[in-house]
Amino acid sequence: MKFVFIIFLILLTSCANYFAESEKARLQREQDKKIKQRSEDNETCKYYGFKEDSAGFRDCLMNLDIARQQLILTRKMLECEAVKRDNNQSAATGFWAGVLKGARENLACD
């Protein structure tokens, strides 16, 4: 019985380590993506002739960020509308169909 318990603890610990490492790797990828995006934005603003550490350069960076955020919101809105349209056109009925449609809409329209 103790042997089974020890094996269980080892498996539990290894799973916890795996999930911690996965989360750490995900956060590092996100950070790398942000750094790369910032570098690309800097190059874009330089390409348009703005000098670093100027008000125009900062405005350029801000406008690029606003445009990117607006694009994300637009894509999310379009995805949500597509899911709502698909749910309305679906022939599925019943309790579980409603649950699944609601879950799908919640995921897309959150």
PDB file of N, CA and C in Angstrom:
ATOM      1  N   MET A   1       0.820  -1.188   0.000  1.00  0.00           N
ATOM      2  CA  MET A   1       0.000   0.000   0.000  1.00  0.00           C
ATOM      3  C   MET A   1       0.871   1.262   0.000  1.00  0.00           C
ATOM      4  N   LYS A   2       1.955   1.237   0.790  1.00  0.00           N
ATOM      5  CA  LYS A   2       2.850   2.391   0.823  1.00  0.00           C
ATOM      6  C   LYS A   2       3.512   2.592  -0.536  1.00  0.00           C
ATOM      7  N   PHE A   3       3.819   1.498  -1.202  1.00  0.00           N
ATOM      8  CA  PHE A   3       4.453   1.576  -2.516  1.00  0.00           C
ATOM      9  C   PHE A   3       3.540   2.303  -3.506  1.00  0.00           C
ATOM     10  N   VAL A   4       2.258   1.978  -3.503  1.00  0.00           N
ATOM     11  CA  VAL A   4       1.291   2.616  -4.403  1.00  0.00           C
ATOM     12  C   VAL A   4       1.200   4.100  -4.081  1.00  0.00           C
ATOM     13  N   PHE A   5       1.184   4.420  -2.802  1.00  0.00           N
ATOM     14  CA  PHE A   5       1.109   5.808  -2.381  1.00  0.00           C
ATOM     15  C   PHE A   5       2.341   6.592  -2.831  1.00  0.00           C
ATOM     16  N   ILE A   6       3.506   5.992  -2.709  1.00  0.00           N
ATOM     17  CA  ILE A   6       4.749   6.642  -3.132  1.00  0.00           C
ATOM     18  C   ILE A   6       4.750   6.860  -4.643  1.00  0.00           C
ATOM     19  N   ILE A   7       4.309   5.861  -5.390  1.00  0.00           N
ATOM     20  CA  ILE A   7       4.215   6.001  -6.851  1.00  0.00           C
ATOM     21  C   ILE A   7       3.244   7.123  -7.197  1.00  0.00           C
ATOM     22  N   PHE A   8       2.118   7.166  -6.502  1.00  0.00           N
ATOM     23  CA  PHE A   8       1.124   8.215  -6.737  1.00  0.00           C
ATOM     24  C   PHE A   8       1.735   9.597  -6.479  1.00  0.00           C
ATOM     25  N   LEU A   9       2.477   9.748  -5.393  1.00  0.00           N
ATOM     26  CA  LEU A   9       3.102  11.028  -5.081  1.00  0.00           C
ATOM     27  C   LEU A   9       4.136  11.421  -6.130  1.00  0.00           C
ATOM     28  N   ILE A  10       4.887  10.454  -6.608  1.00  0.00           N
ATOM     29  CA  ILE A  10       5.878  10.736  -7.653  1.00  0.00           C
ATOM     30  C   ILE A  10       5.190  11.205  -8.929  1.00  0.00           C
ATOM     31  N   LEU A  11       4.114  10.520  -9.310  1.00  0.00           N
ATOM     32  CA  LEU A  11       3.372  10.923 -10.505  1.00  0.00           C
ATOM     33  C   LEU A  11       2.755  12.308 -10.338  1.00  0.00           C
ATOM     34  N   LEU A  12       2.196  12.563  -9.174  1.00  0.00           N
ATOM     35  CA  LEU A  12       1.588  13.860  -8.905  1.00  0.00           C
ATOM     36  C   LEU A  12       2.623  14.974  -8.966  1.00  0.00           C
ATOM     37  N   THR A  13       3.774  14.748  -8.393  1.00  0.00           N
ATOM     38  CA  THR A  13       4.848  15.736  -8.413  1.00  0.00           C
ATOM     39  C   THR A  13       5.346  15.979  -9.833  1.00  0.00           C
ATOM     40  N   SER A  14       5.486  14.913 -10.605  1.00  0.00           N
ATOM     41  CA  SER A  14       5.967  15.082 -11.977  1.00  0.00           C
ATOM     42  C   SER A  14       4.943  15.830 -12.827  1.00  0.00           C
ATOM     43  N   CYS A  15       3.660  15.590 -12.599  1.00  0.00           N
ATOM     44  CA  CYS A  15       2.617  16.330 -13.326  1.00  0.00           C
ATOM     45  C   CYS A  15       2.659  17.808 -12.956  1.00  0.00           C
ATOM     46  N   ALA A  16       2.818  18.101 -11.670  1.00  0.00           N
ATOM     47  CA  ALA A  16       2.890  19.496 -11.231  1.00  0.00           C
ATOM     48  C   ALA A  16       4.090  20.187 -11.860  1.00  0.00           C
ATOM     49  N   ASN A  17       5.222  19.501 -11.908  1.00  0.00           N
ATOM     50  CA  ASN A  17       6.414  20.072 -12.529  1.00  0.00           C
ATOM     51  C   ASN A  17       6.201  20.314 -14.020  1.00  0.00           C
ATOM     52  N   TYR A  18       5.556  19.367 -14.683  1.00  0.00           N
ATOM     53  CA  TYR A  18       5.281  19.501 -16.117  1.00  0.00           C
ATOM     54  C   TYR A  18       4.420  20.728 -16.386  1.00  0.00           C
ATOM     55  N   PHE A  19       3.340  20.894 -15.607  1.00  0.00           N
ATOM     56  CA  PHE A  19       2.446  22.029 -15.824  1.00  0.00           C
ATOM     57  C   PHE A  19       3.134  23.347 -15.485  1.00  0.00           C
ATOM     58  N   ALA A  20       3.975  23.357 -14.463  1.00  0.00           N
ATOM     59  CA  ALA A  20       4.708  24.573 -14.119  1.00  0.00           C
ATOM     60  C   ALA A  20       5.676  24.948 -15.236  1.00  0.00           C
ATOM     61  N   GLU A  21       6.369  23.971 -15.770  1.00  0.00           N
ATOM     62  CA  GLU A  21       7.299  24.232 -16.872  1.00  0.00           C
ATOM     63  C   GLU A  21       6.565  24.670 -18.132  1.00  0.00           C
ATOM     64  N   SER A  22       5.414  24.067 -18.392  1.00  0.00           N
ATOM     65  CA  SER A  22       4.618  24.463 -19.560  1.00  0.00           C
ATOM     66  C   SER A  22       4.163  25.908 -19.442  1.00  0.00           C
ATOM     67  N   GLU A  23       3.719  26.299 -18.268  1.00  0.00           N
ATOM     68  CA  GLU A  23       3.277  27.679 -18.048  1.00  0.00           C
ATOM     69  C   GLU A  23       4.450  28.644 -18.173  1.00  0.00           C
ATOM     70  N   LYS A  24       5.580  28.266 -17.646  1.00  0.00           N
ATOM     71  CA  LYS A  24       6.780  29.101 -17.743  1.00  0.00           C
ATOM     72  C   LYS A  24       7.182  29.291 -19.205  1.00  0.00           C
ATOM     73  N   ALA A  25       7.132  28.217 -19.987  1.00  0.00           N
ATOM     74  CA  ALA A  25       7.467  28.299 -21.407  1.00  0.00           C
ATOM     75  C   ALA A  25       6.466  29.166 -22.163  1.00  0.00           C
ATOM     76  N   ARG A  26       5.180  29.045 -21.815  1.00  0.00           N
ATOM     77  CA  ARG A  26       4.146  29.863 -22.470  1.00  0.00           C
ATOM     78  C   ARG A  26       4.374  31.342 -22.185  1.00  0.00           C
ATOM     79  N   LEU A  27       4.662  31.677 -20.940  1.00  0.00           N
ATOM     80  CA  LEU A  27       4.922  33.062 -20.577  1.00  0.00           C
ATOM     81  C   LEU A  27       6.160  33.604 -21.280  1.00  0.00           C
ATOM     82  N   GLN A  28       7.184  32.771 -21.418  1.00  0.00           N
ATOM     83  CA  GLN A  28       8.398  33.193 -22.119  1.00  0.00           C
ATOM     84  C   GLN A  28       8.106  33.440 -23.600  1.00  0.00           C
ATOM     85  N   ARG A  29       7.286  32.578 -24.224  1.00  0.00           N
ATOM     86  CA  ARG A  29       6.918  32.789 -25.636  1.00  0.00           C
ATOM     87  C   ARG A  29       6.148  34.091 -25.804  1.00  0.00           C
ATOM     88  N   GLU A  30       5.239  34.373 -24.883  1.00  0.00           N
ATOM     89  CA  GLU A  30       4.487  35.630 -24.951  1.00  0.00           C
ATOM     90  C   GLU A  30       5.417  36.824 -24.815  1.00  0.00           C
ATOM     91  N   GLN A  31       6.359  36.750 -23.888  1.00  0.00           N
ATOM     92  CA  GLN A  31       7.306  37.846 -23.695  1.00  0.00           C
ATOM     93  C   GLN A  31       8.173  38.030 -24.935  1.00  0.00           C
ATOM     94  N   ASP A  32       8.645  36.935 -25.514  1.00  0.00           N
ATOM     95  CA  ASP A  32       9.446  37.015 -26.735  1.00  0.00           C
ATOM     96  C   ASP A  32       8.644  37.636 -27.882  1.00  0.00           C
ATOM     97  N   LYS A  33       7.373  37.284 -27.967  1.00  0.00           N
ATOM     98  CA  LYS A  33       6.502  37.824 -29.010  1.00  0.00           C
ATOM     99  C   LYS A  33       6.337  39.333 -28.836  1.00  0.00           C
ATOM    100  N   LYS A  34       6.168  39.786 -27.593  1.00  0.00           N
ATOM    101  CA  LYS A  34       6.021  41.217 -27.326  1.00  0.00           C
ATOM    102  C   LYS A  34       7.305  41.967 -27.682  1.00  0.00           C
ATOM    103  N   ILE A  35       8.442  41.394 -27.343  1.00  0.00           N
ATOM    104  CA  ILE A  35       9.721  42.039 -27.651  1.00  0.00           C
ATOM    105  C   ILE A  35       9.912  42.128 -29.161  1.00  0.00           C
ATOM    106  N   LYS A  36       9.592  41.057 -29.869  1.00  0.00           N
ATOM    107  CA  LYS A  36       9.720  41.052 -31.325  1.00  0.00           C
ATOM    108  C   LYS A  36       8.780  42.085 -31.947  1.00  0.00           C
ATOM    109  N   GLN A  37       7.543  42.151 -31.439  1.00  0.00           N
ATOM    110  CA  GLN A  37       6.572  43.106 -31.967  1.00  0.00           C
ATOM    111  C   GLN A  37       7.043  44.540 -31.742  1.00  0.00           C
ATOM    112  N   ARG A  38       7.572  44.814 -30.569  1.00  0.00           N
ATOM    113  CA  ARG A  38       8.074  46.159 -30.265  1.00  0.00           C
ATOM    114  C   ARG A  38       9.220  46.527 -31.201  1.00  0.00           C
ATOM    115  N   SER A  39      10.111  45.575 -31.463  1.00  0.00           N
ATOM    116  CA  SER A  39      11.220  45.822 -32.373  1.00  0.00           C
ATOM    117  C   SER A  39      10.712  46.123 -33.782  1.00  0.00           C
ATOM    118  N   GLU A  40       9.719  45.349 -34.230  1.00  0.00           N
ATOM    119  CA  GLU A  40       9.143  45.587 -35.561  1.00  0.00           C
ATOM    120  C   GLU A  40       8.450  46.947 -35.624  1.00  0.00           C
ATOM    121  N   ASP A  41       7.758  47.321 -34.543  1.00  0.00           N
ATOM    122  CA  ASP A  41       7.110  48.629 -34.506  1.00  0.00           C
ATOM    123  C   ASP A  41       8.146  49.752 -34.570  1.00  0.00           C
ATOM    124  N   ASN A  42       9.236  49.588 -33.826  1.00  0.00           N
ATOM    125  CA  ASN A  42      10.301  50.593 -33.875  1.00  0.00           C
ATOM    126  C   ASN A  42      10.838  50.748 -35.290  1.00  0.00           C
ATOM    127  N   GLU A  43      11.075  49.631 -35.962  1.00  0.00           N
ATOM    128  CA  GLU A  43      11.585  49.676 -37.336  1.00  0.00           C
ATOM    129  C   GLU A  43      10.576  50.326 -38.279  1.00  0.00           C
ATOM    130  N   THR A  44       9.300  50.050 -38.086  1.00  0.00           N
ATOM    131  CA  THR A  44       8.264  50.646 -38.930  1.00  0.00           C
ATOM    132  C   THR A  44       8.244  52.159 -38.767  1.00  0.00           C
ATOM    133  N   CYS A  45       8.287  52.615 -37.522  1.00  0.00           N
ATOM    134  CA  CYS A  45       8.268  54.064 -37.287  1.00  0.00           C
ATOM    135  C   CYS A  45       9.530  54.739 -37.818  1.00  0.00           C
ATOM    136  N   LYS A  46      10.670  54.067 -37.705  1.00  0.00           N
ATOM    137  CA  LYS A  46      11.905  54.608 -38.277  1.00  0.00           C
ATOM    138  C   LYS A  46      11.790  54.675 -39.796  1.00  0.00           C
ATOM    139  N   TYR A  47      11.171  53.651 -40.392  1.00  0.00           N
ATOM    140  CA  TYR A  47      10.992  53.616 -41.846  1.00  0.00           C
ATOM    141  C   TYR A  47      10.180  54.821 -42.313  1.00  0.00           C
ATOM    142  N   TYR A  48       9.185  55.208 -41.512  1.00  0.00           N
ATOM    143  CA  TYR A  48       8.348  56.349 -41.877  1.00  0.00           C
ATOM    144  C   TYR A  48       9.020  57.684 -41.580  1.00  0.00           C
ATOM    145  N   GLY A  49      10.234  57.646 -41.052  1.00  0.00           N
ATOM    146  CA  GLY A  49      11.012  58.867 -40.894  1.00  0.00           C
ATOM    147  C   GLY A  49      10.973  59.485 -39.511  1.00  0.00           C
ATOM    148  N   PHE A  50      10.367  58.830 -38.561  1.00  0.00           N
ATOM    149  CA  PHE A  50      10.328  59.377 -37.214  1.00  0.00           C
ATOM    150  C   PHE A  50      11.641  59.091 -36.496  1.00  0.00           C
ATOM    151  N   LYS A  51      12.102  60.069 -35.756  1.00  0.00           N
ATOM    152  CA  LYS A  51      13.332  59.927 -34.980  1.00  0.00           C
ATOM    153  C   LYS A  51      12.991  59.388 -33.604  1.00  0.00           C
ATOM    154  N   GLU A  52      13.824  58.441 -33.117  1.00  0.00           N
ATOM    155  CA  GLU A  52      13.597  57.879 -31.782  1.00  0.00           C
ATOM    156  C   GLU A  52      13.632  58.984 -30.736  1.00  0.00           C
ATOM    157  N   ASP A  53      12.916  58.773 -29.671  1.00  0.00           N
ATOM    158  CA  ASP A  53      12.819  59.711 -28.550  1.00  0.00           C
ATOM    159  C   ASP A  53      12.181  61.037 -28.946  1.00  0.00           C
ATOM    160  N   SER A  54      11.348  61.023 -29.976  1.00  0.00           N
ATOM    161  CA  SER A  54      10.605  62.223 -30.341  1.00  0.00           C
ATOM    162  C   SER A  54       9.117  61.967 -30.105  1.00  0.00           C
ATOM    163  N   ALA A  55       8.360  63.037 -30.021  1.00  0.00           N
ATOM    164  CA  ALA A  55       6.913  62.906 -29.805  1.00  0.00           C
ATOM    165  C   ALA A  55       6.270  62.164 -30.982  1.00  0.00           C
ATOM    166  N   GLY A  56       6.740  62.454 -32.184  1.00  0.00           N
ATOM    167  CA  GLY A  56       6.188  61.786 -33.359  1.00  0.00           C
ATOM    168  C   GLY A  56       6.433  60.284 -33.333  1.00  0.00           C
ATOM    169  N   PHE A  57       7.621  59.885 -32.878  1.00  0.00           N
ATOM    170  CA  PHE A  57       7.953  58.464 -32.778  1.00  0.00           C
ATOM    171  C   PHE A  57       7.040  57.774 -31.772  1.00  0.00           C
ATOM    172  N   ARG A  58       6.825  58.414 -30.621  1.00  0.00           N
ATOM    173  CA  ARG A  58       5.931  57.849 -29.606  1.00  0.00           C
ATOM    174  C   ARG A  58       4.503  57.762 -30.121  1.00  0.00           C
ATOM    175  N   ASP A  59       4.067  58.788 -30.851  1.00  0.00           N
ATOM    176  CA  ASP A  59       2.726  58.758 -31.432  1.00  0.00           C
ATOM    177  C   ASP A  59       2.599  57.638 -32.460  1.00  0.00           C
ATOM    178  N   CYS A  60       3.649  57.444 -33.234  1.00  0.00           N
ATOM    179  CA  CYS A  60       3.658  56.365 -34.224  1.00  0.00           C
ATOM    180  C   CYS A  60       3.511  55.012 -33.542  1.00  0.00           C
ATOM    181  N   LEU A  61       4.277  54.789 -32.481  1.00  0.00           N
ATOM    182  CA  LEU A  61       4.181  53.530 -31.733  1.00  0.00           C
ATOM    183  C   LEU A  61       2.779  53.351 -31.155  1.00  0.00           C
ATOM    184  N   MET A  62       2.233  54.426 -30.599  1.00  0.00           N
ATOM    185  CA  MET A  62       0.897  54.355 -30.012  1.00  0.00           C
ATOM    186  C   MET A  62      -0.147  54.039 -31.085  1.00  0.00           C
ATOM    187  N   ASN A  63      -0.049  54.671 -32.239  1.00  0.00           N
ATOM    188  CA  ASN A  63      -1.012  54.422 -33.313  1.00  0.00           C
ATOM    189  C   ASN A  63      -0.925  52.991 -33.833  1.00  0.00           C
ATOM    190  N   LEU A  64       0.294  52.455 -33.915  1.00  0.00           N
ATOM    191  CA  LEU A  64       0.439  51.060 -34.337  1.00  0.00           C
ATOM    192  C   LEU A  64      -0.215  50.118 -33.326  1.00  0.00           C
ATOM    193  N   ASP A  65      -0.020  50.399 -32.044  1.00  0.00           N
ATOM    194  CA  ASP A  65      -0.614  49.572 -31.000  1.00  0.00           C
ATOM    195  C   ASP A  65      -2.133  49.669 -31.024  1.00  0.00           C
ATOM    196  N   ILE A  66      -2.668  50.878 -31.179  1.00  0.00           N
ATOM    197  CA  ILE A  66      -4.123  51.059 -31.247  1.00  0.00           C
ATOM    198  C   ILE A  66      -4.696  50.315 -32.447  1.00  0.00           C
ATOM    199  N   ALA A  67      -4.034  50.410 -33.587  1.00  0.00           N
ATOM    200  CA  ALA A  67      -4.507  49.715 -34.794  1.00  0.00           C
ATOM    201  C   ALA A  67      -4.495  48.200 -34.584  1.00  0.00           C
ATOM    202  N   ARG A  68      -3.453  47.686 -33.913  1.00  0.00           N
ATOM    203  CA  ARG A  68      -3.364  46.247 -33.649  1.00  0.00           C
ATOM    204  C   ARG A  68      -4.487  45.800 -32.712  1.00  0.00           C
ATOM    205  N   GLN A  69      -4.736  46.579 -31.661  1.00  0.00           N
ATOM    206  CA  GLN A  69      -5.805  46.238 -30.721  1.00  0.00           C
ATOM    207  C   GLN A  69      -7.173  46.295 -31.406  1.00  0.00           C
ATOM    208  N   GLN A  70      -7.376  47.272 -32.275  1.00  0.00           N
ATOM    209  CA  GLN A  70      -8.634  47.386 -33.006  1.00  0.00           C
ATOM    210  C   GLN A  70      -8.828  46.188 -33.933  1.00  0.00           C
ATOM    211  N   LEU A  71      -7.762  45.737 -34.568  1.00  0.00           N
ATOM    212  CA  LEU A  71      -7.845  44.565 -35.430  1.00  0.00           C
ATOM    213  C   LEU A  71      -8.235  43.326 -34.627  1.00  0.00           C
ATOM    214  N   ILE A  72      -7.653  43.170 -33.448  1.00  0.00           N
ATOM    215  CA  ILE A  72      -7.985  42.036 -32.585  1.00  0.00           C
ATOM    216  C   ILE A  72      -9.455  42.081 -32.193  1.00  0.00           C
ATOM    217  N   LEU A  73      -9.942  43.266 -31.805  1.00  0.00           N
ATOM    218  CA  LEU A  73     -11.349  43.401 -31.418  1.00  0.00           C
ATOM    219  C   LEU A  73     -12.289  43.123 -32.587  1.00  0.00           C
ATOM    220  N   THR A  74     -11.912  43.597 -33.767  1.00  0.00           N
ATOM    221  CA  THR A  74     -12.744  43.363 -34.953  1.00  0.00           C
ATOM    222  C   THR A  74     -12.820  41.879 -35.279  1.00  0.00           C
ATOM    223  N   ARG A  75     -11.689  41.189 -35.223  1.00  0.00           N
ATOM    224  CA  ARG A  75     -11.685  39.747 -35.491  1.00  0.00           C
ATOM    225  C   ARG A  75     -12.532  38.995 -34.475  1.00  0.00           C
ATOM    226  N   LYS A  76     -12.424  39.386 -33.203  1.00  0.00           N
ATOM    227  CA  LYS A  76     -13.202  38.749 -32.144  1.00  0.00           C
ATOM    228  C   LYS A  76     -14.695  38.978 -32.375  1.00  0.00           C
ATOM    229  N   MET A  77     -15.071  40.201 -32.748  1.00  0.00           N
ATOM    230  CA  MET A  77     -16.467  40.516 -33.009  1.00  0.00           C
ATOM    231  C   MET A  77     -16.995  39.710 -34.189  1.00  0.00           C
ATOM    232  N   LEU A  78     -16.211  39.605 -35.256  1.00  0.00           N
ATOM    233  CA  LEU A  78     -16.640  38.837 -36.422  1.00  0.00           C
ATOM    234  C   LEU A  78     -16.786  37.355 -36.097  1.00  0.00           C
ATOM    235  N   GLU A  79     -15.869  36.818 -35.289  1.00  0.00           N
ATOM    236  CA  GLU A  79     -15.961  35.421 -34.872  1.00  0.00           C
ATOM    237  C   GLU A  79     -17.224  35.197 -34.041  1.00  0.00           C
ATOM    238  N   CYS A  80     -17.513  36.118 -33.137  1.00  0.00           N
ATOM    239  CA  CYS A  80     -18.701  36.018 -32.294  1.00  0.00           C
ATOM    240  C   CYS A  80     -19.969  36.044 -33.152  1.00  0.00           C
ATOM    241  N   GLU A  81     -20.034  36.962 -34.087  1.00  0.00           N
ATOM    242  CA  GLU A  81     -21.205  37.054 -34.959  1.00  0.00           C
ATOM    243  C   GLU A  81     -21.372  35.789 -35.805  1.00  0.00           C
ATOM    244  N   ALA A  82     -20.272  35.216 -36.278  1.00  0.00           N
ATOM    245  CA  ALA A  82     -20.346  33.988 -37.063  1.00  0.00           C
ATOM    246  C   ALA A  82     -20.886  32.833 -36.217  1.00  0.00           C
ATOM    247  N   VAL A  83     -20.452  32.731 -34.967  1.00  0.00           N
ATOM    248  CA  VAL A  83     -20.944  31.670 -34.079  1.00  0.00           C
ATOM    249  C   VAL A  83     -22.423  31.864 -33.795  1.00  0.00           C
ATOM    250  N   LYS A  84     -22.830  33.098 -33.531  1.00  0.00           N
ATOM    251  CA  LYS A  84     -24.258  33.365 -33.283  1.00  0.00           C
ATOM    252  C   LYS A  84     -25.097  32.998 -34.499  1.00  0.00           C
ATOM    253  N   ARG A  85     -24.609  33.353 -35.684  1.00  0.00           N
ATOM    254  CA  ARG A  85     -25.330  33.030 -36.918  1.00  0.00           C
ATOM    255  C   ARG A  85     -25.421  31.513 -37.106  1.00  0.00           C
ATOM    256  N   ASP A  86     -24.317  30.806 -36.870  1.00  0.00           N
ATOM    257  CA  ASP A  86     -24.321  29.347 -36.997  1.00  0.00           C
ATOM    258  C   ASP A  86     -25.274  28.712 -35.991  1.00  0.00           C
ATOM    259  N   ASN A  87     -25.281  29.226 -34.764  1.00  0.00           N
ATOM    260  CA  ASN A  87     -26.192  28.694 -33.755  1.00  0.00           C
ATOM    261  C   ASN A  87     -27.648  28.907 -34.143  1.00  0.00           C
ATOM    262  N   ASN A  88     -27.954  30.070 -34.711  1.00  0.00           N
ATOM    263  CA  ASN A  88     -29.335  30.348 -35.121  1.00  0.00           C
ATOM    264  C   ASN A  88     -29.766  29.485 -36.297  1.00  0.00           C
ATOM    265  N   GLN A  89     -28.837  29.129 -37.154  1.00  0.00           N
ATOM    266  CA  GLN A  89     -29.160  28.335 -38.335  1.00  0.00           C
ATOM    267  C   GLN A  89     -29.088  26.833 -38.067  1.00  0.00           C
ATOM    268  N   SER A  90     -28.623  26.459 -36.906  1.00  0.00           N
ATOM    269  CA  SER A  90     -28.464  25.041 -36.580  1.00  0.00           C
ATOM    270  C   SER A  90     -29.825  24.369 -36.415  1.00  0.00           C
ATOM    271  N   ALA A  91     -29.910  23.144 -36.875  1.00  0.00           N
ATOM    272  CA  ALA A  91     -31.137  22.377 -36.740  1.00  0.00           C
ATOM    273  C   ALA A  91     -31.169  21.579 -35.440  1.00  0.00           C
ATOM    274  N   ALA A  92     -30.102  21.627 -34.682  1.00  0.00           N
ATOM    275  CA  ALA A  92     -30.026  20.871 -33.425  1.00  0.00           C
ATOM    276  C   ALA A  92     -30.984  21.465 -32.406  1.00  0.00           C
ATOM    277  N   THR A  93     -31.696  20.580 -31.707  1.00  0.00           N
ATOM    278  CA  THR A  93     -32.642  21.021 -30.687  1.00  0.00           C
ATOM    279  C   THR A  93     -32.439  20.186 -29.431  1.00  0.00           C
ATOM    280  N   GLY A  94     -33.091  20.577 -28.398  1.00  0.00           N
ATOM    281  CA  GLY A  94     -33.018  19.830 -27.156  1.00  0.00           C
ATOM    282  C   GLY A  94     -32.101  20.489 -26.150  1.00  0.00           C
ATOM    283  N   PHE A  95     -32.102  19.909 -24.956  1.00  0.00           N
ATOM    284  CA  PHE A  95     -31.341  20.464 -23.848  1.00  0.00           C
ATOM    285  C   PHE A  95     -29.850  20.533 -24.150  1.00  0.00           C
ATOM    286  N   TRP A  96     -29.265  19.412 -24.563  1.00  0.00           N
ATOM    287  CA  TRP A  96     -27.825  19.380 -24.781  1.00  0.00           C
ATOM    288  C   TRP A  96     -27.405  20.236 -25.963  1.00  0.00           C
ATOM    289  N   ALA A  97     -28.254  20.342 -26.962  1.00  0.00           N
ATOM    290  CA  ALA A  97     -27.938  21.238 -28.077  1.00  0.00           C
ATOM    291  C   ALA A  97     -27.864  22.675 -27.580  1.00  0.00           C
ATOM    292  N   GLY A  98     -28.787  23.043 -26.712  1.00  0.00           N
ATOM    293  CA  GLY A  98     -28.757  24.392 -26.136  1.00  0.00           C
ATOM    294  C   GLY A  98     -27.532  24.628 -25.285  1.00  0.00           C
ATOM    295  N   VAL A  99     -27.159  23.619 -24.507  1.00  0.00           N
ATOM    296  CA  VAL A  99     -25.967  23.739 -23.669  1.00  0.00           C
ATOM    297  C   VAL A  99     -24.734  23.926 -24.545  1.00  0.00           C
ATOM    298  N   LEU A 100     -24.604  23.105 -25.588  1.00  0.00           N
ATOM    299  CA  LEU A 100     -23.433  23.199 -26.460  1.00  0.00           C
ATOM    300  C   LEU A 100     -23.404  24.509 -27.235  1.00  0.00           C
ATOM    301  N   LYS A 101     -24.560  24.955 -27.706  1.00  0.00           N
ATOM    302  CA  LYS A 101     -24.615  26.241 -28.411  1.00  0.00           C
ATOM    303  C   LYS A 101     -24.215  27.378 -27.478  1.00  0.00           C
ATOM    304  N   GLY A 102     -24.718  27.330 -26.261  1.00  0.00           N
ATOM    305  CA  GLY A 102     -24.371  28.367 -25.289  1.00  0.00           C
ATOM    306  C   GLY A 102     -22.897  28.356 -24.951  1.00  0.00           C
ATOM    307  N   ALA A 103     -22.333  27.174 -24.787  1.00  0.00           N
ATOM    308  CA  ALA A 103     -20.911  27.066 -24.469  1.00  0.00           C
ATOM    309  C   ALA A 103     -20.066  27.602 -25.621  1.00  0.00           C
ATOM    310  N   ARG A 104     -20.458  27.245 -26.822  1.00  0.00           N
ATOM    311  CA  ARG A 104     -19.712  27.713 -28.006  1.00  0.00           C
ATOM    312  C   ARG A 104     -19.789  29.238 -28.114  1.00  0.00           C
ATOM    313  N   GLU A 105     -20.972  29.783 -27.868  1.00  0.00           N
ATOM    314  CA  GLU A 105     -21.126  31.230 -27.937  1.00  0.00           C
ATOM    315  C   GLU A 105     -20.342  31.929 -26.827  1.00  0.00           C
ATOM    316  N   ASN A 106     -20.347  31.347 -25.637  1.00  0.00           N
ATOM    317  CA  ASN A 106     -19.588  31.941 -24.534  1.00  0.00           C
ATOM    318  C   ASN A 106     -18.095  31.974 -24.834  1.00  0.00           C
ATOM    319  N   LEU A 107     -17.582  30.915 -25.454  1.00  0.00           N
ATOM    320  CA  LEU A 107     -16.168  30.884 -25.802  1.00  0.00           C
ATOM    321  C   LEU A 107     -15.825  31.929 -26.866  1.00  0.00           C
ATOM    322  N   ALA A 108     -16.694  32.065 -27.848  1.00  0.00           N
ATOM    323  CA  ALA A 108     -16.410  32.964 -28.962  1.00  0.00           C
ATOM    324  C   ALA A 108     -16.681  34.420 -28.610  1.00  0.00           C
ATOM    325  N   CYS A 109     -17.625  34.671 -27.739  1.00  0.00           N
ATOM    326  CA  CYS A 109     -18.070  36.042 -27.473  1.00  0.00           C
ATOM    327  C   CYS A 109     -17.646  36.561 -26.116  1.00  0.00           C
ATOM    328  N   ASP A 110     -16.707  35.918 -25.487  1.00  0.00           N
ATOM    329  CA  ASP A 110     -16.269  36.341 -24.157  1.00  0.00           C
ATOM    330  C   ASP A 110     -15.600  37.674 -24.193  1.00  0.00           C
TER     331      ASP A 110
END
